[in-house]
Amino acid sequence: GLNTEIIQRSEGVGTIQTISIKLSNNNFETLNDVTVQFGEKGRIQNIGNMGPFSSVMITPEVRDMNFDKIIVKANNGKMESVKFR
């Protein structure tokens, strides 16, 4: 399946230094037209195709840092994964 992992690293109390998202394709088949959106109103980022057992790291743009969820779609929207923060 399609796995979404949120990785947050911080220094000090309450401060977030970096946020990264790791998308993994755990399928034997290629996922086509993969897109990522940070929150309902975030800009849709086109990732492209992900081969079998591949992964990619993504960092949200500054304006999208306060996202509440990540929406990942693949195969022309036929596959969707939502991960809440």
C-alpha atoms as a PDB file:
ATOM      1  CA  GLY A   1       0.000   0.000   0.000  1.00  0.00           C
ATOM      2  CA  LEU A   2       0.834   3.647   0.176  1.00  0.00           C
ATOM      3  CA  ASN A   3       2.400   4.729   3.464  1.00  0.00           C
ATOM      4  CA  THR A   4       2.707   8.326   4.726  1.00  0.00           C
ATOM      5  CA  GLU A   5       5.020   9.171   7.622  1.00  0.00           C
ATOM      6  CA  ILE A   6       5.377  12.593   9.271  1.00  0.00           C
ATOM      7  CA  ILE A   7       8.866  13.280  10.632  1.00  0.00           C
ATOM      8  CA  GLN A   8       9.245  16.309  12.938  1.00  0.00           C
ATOM      9  CA  ARG A   9      12.530  17.348  14.467  1.00  0.00           C
ATOM     10  CA  SER A  10      12.703  20.126  17.004  1.00  0.00           C
ATOM     11  CA  GLU A  11      15.142  21.965  19.223  1.00  0.00           C
ATOM     12  CA  GLY A  12      13.900  23.369  22.473  1.00  0.00           C
ATOM     13  CA  VAL A  13      10.423  23.289  23.917  1.00  0.00           C
ATOM     14  CA  GLY A  14       7.604  23.879  21.446  1.00  0.00           C
ATOM     15  CA  THR A  15       9.747  24.869  18.457  1.00  0.00           C
ATOM     16  CA  ILE A  16       9.694  22.842  15.268  1.00  0.00           C
ATOM     17  CA  GLN A  17      12.854  23.095  13.208  1.00  0.00           C
ATOM     18  CA  THR A  18      12.020  20.763  10.331  1.00  0.00           C
ATOM     19  CA  ILE A  19       9.052  18.811   9.039  1.00  0.00           C
ATOM     20  CA  SER A  20       9.511  16.132   6.429  1.00  0.00           C
ATOM     21  CA  ILE A  21       7.054  13.721   4.905  1.00  0.00           C
ATOM     22  CA  LYS A  22       8.125  10.281   3.754  1.00  0.00           C
ATOM     23  CA  LEU A  23       5.908   8.635   1.146  1.00  0.00           C
ATOM     24  CA  SER A  24       6.494   4.938   0.534  1.00  0.00           C
ATOM     25  CA  ASN A  25       5.070   2.673  -2.129  1.00  0.00           C
ATOM     26  CA  ASN A  26       4.897  -0.788  -0.568  1.00  0.00           C
ATOM     27  CA  ASN A  27       3.296  -2.332  -3.667  1.00  0.00           C
ATOM     28  CA  PHE A  28       4.688  -4.594  -6.368  1.00  0.00           C
ATOM     29  CA  GLU A  29       3.204  -2.153  -8.906  1.00  0.00           C
ATOM     30  CA  THR A  30       4.127   1.402  -9.884  1.00  0.00           C
ATOM     31  CA  LEU A  31       1.900   4.196  -8.548  1.00  0.00           C
ATOM     32  CA  ASN A  32       1.141   6.768 -11.241  1.00  0.00           C
ATOM     33  CA  ASP A  33       0.349  10.474 -10.925  1.00  0.00           C
ATOM     34  CA  VAL A  34       1.148  10.727  -7.195  1.00  0.00           C
ATOM     35  CA  THR A  35       0.147  14.073  -5.639  1.00  0.00           C
ATOM     36  CA  VAL A  36       0.493  15.482  -2.125  1.00  0.00           C
ATOM     37  CA  GLN A  37      -1.602  18.229  -0.521  1.00  0.00           C
ATOM     38  CA  PHE A  38      -0.962  19.734   2.917  1.00  0.00           C
ATOM     39  CA  GLY A  39      -4.445  20.451   4.308  1.00  0.00           C
ATOM     40  CA  GLU A  40      -7.675  20.981   2.377  1.00  0.00           C
ATOM     41  CA  LYS A  41      -6.549  24.386   1.067  1.00  0.00           C
ATOM     42  CA  GLY A  42      -2.865  23.619   0.506  1.00  0.00           C
ATOM     43  CA  ARG A  43      -1.232  23.689  -2.897  1.00  0.00           C
ATOM     44  CA  ILE A  44      -1.235  20.311  -4.674  1.00  0.00           C
ATOM     45  CA  GLN A  45       2.319  19.110  -5.322  1.00  0.00           C
ATOM     46  CA  ASN A  46       2.866  16.677  -8.173  1.00  0.00           C
ATOM     47  CA  ILE A  47       5.303  13.893  -7.249  1.00  0.00           C
ATOM     48  CA  GLY A  48       4.899  11.880 -10.461  1.00  0.00           C
ATOM     49  CA  ASN A  49       5.323   8.107 -10.588  1.00  0.00           C
ATOM     50  CA  MET A  50       6.675   5.945  -7.763  1.00  0.00           C
ATOM     51  CA  GLY A  51       8.114   2.549  -8.618  1.00  0.00           C
ATOM     52  CA  PRO A  52       7.611  -0.607  -6.544  1.00  0.00           C
ATOM     53  CA  PHE A  53       9.023  -0.385  -3.006  1.00  0.00           C
ATOM     54  CA  SER A  54      10.249   3.177  -3.516  1.00  0.00           C
ATOM     55  CA  SER A  55      10.033   6.167  -1.209  1.00  0.00           C
ATOM     56  CA  VAL A  56      10.372   9.927  -1.495  1.00  0.00           C
ATOM     57  CA  MET A  57      10.900  12.701   1.063  1.00  0.00           C
ATOM     58  CA  ILE A  58       8.888  15.936   0.803  1.00  0.00           C
ATOM     59  CA  THR A  59       9.077  19.152   2.804  1.00  0.00           C
ATOM     60  CA  PRO A  60       6.013  21.425   2.873  1.00  0.00           C
ATOM     61  CA  GLU A  61       6.362  25.012   1.741  1.00  0.00           C
ATOM     62  CA  VAL A  62       6.515  27.647   4.491  1.00  0.00           C
ATOM     63  CA  ARG A  63       2.887  28.695   3.892  1.00  0.00           C
ATOM     64  CA  ASP A  64       1.750  25.073   4.357  1.00  0.00           C
ATOM     65  CA  MET A  65       3.668  24.347   7.603  1.00  0.00           C
ATOM     66  CA  ASN A  66       0.576  24.523   9.834  1.00  0.00           C
ATOM     67  CA  PHE A  67      -1.242  21.720   8.000  1.00  0.00           C
ATOM     68  CA  ASP A  68      -3.718  19.517   9.881  1.00  0.00           C
ATOM     69  CA  LYS A  69      -3.552  16.583   7.477  1.00  0.00           C
ATOM     70  CA  ILE A  70      -1.772  15.291   4.404  1.00  0.00           C
ATOM     71  CA  ILE A  71      -3.792  14.102   1.426  1.00  0.00           C
ATOM     72  CA  VAL A  72      -1.934  11.772  -0.947  1.00  0.00           C
ATOM     73  CA  LYS A  73      -3.544  10.573  -4.167  1.00  0.00           C
ATOM     74  CA  ALA A  74      -2.315   8.192  -6.862  1.00  0.00           C
ATOM     75  CA  ASN A  75      -3.505   6.467 -10.038  1.00  0.00           C
ATOM     76  CA  ASN A  76      -5.627   9.432 -11.154  1.00  0.00           C
ATOM     77  CA  GLY A  77      -7.304   9.709  -7.739  1.00  0.00           C
ATOM     78  CA  LYS A  78      -8.320   6.041  -7.549  1.00  0.00           C
ATOM     79  CA  MET A  79      -6.052   5.573  -4.527  1.00  0.00           C
ATOM     80  CA  GLU A  80      -6.170   8.053  -1.646  1.00  0.00           C
ATOM     81  CA  SER A  81      -4.464   8.182   1.737  1.00  0.00           C
ATOM     82  CA  VAL A  82      -5.122  10.769   4.459  1.00  0.00           C
ATOM     83  CA  LYS A  83      -2.761  11.158   7.419  1.00  0.00           C
ATOM     84  CA  PHE A  84      -3.719  13.484  10.281  1.00  0.00           C
ATOM     85  CA  ARG A  85      -1.080  15.417  12.166  1.00  0.00           C
END
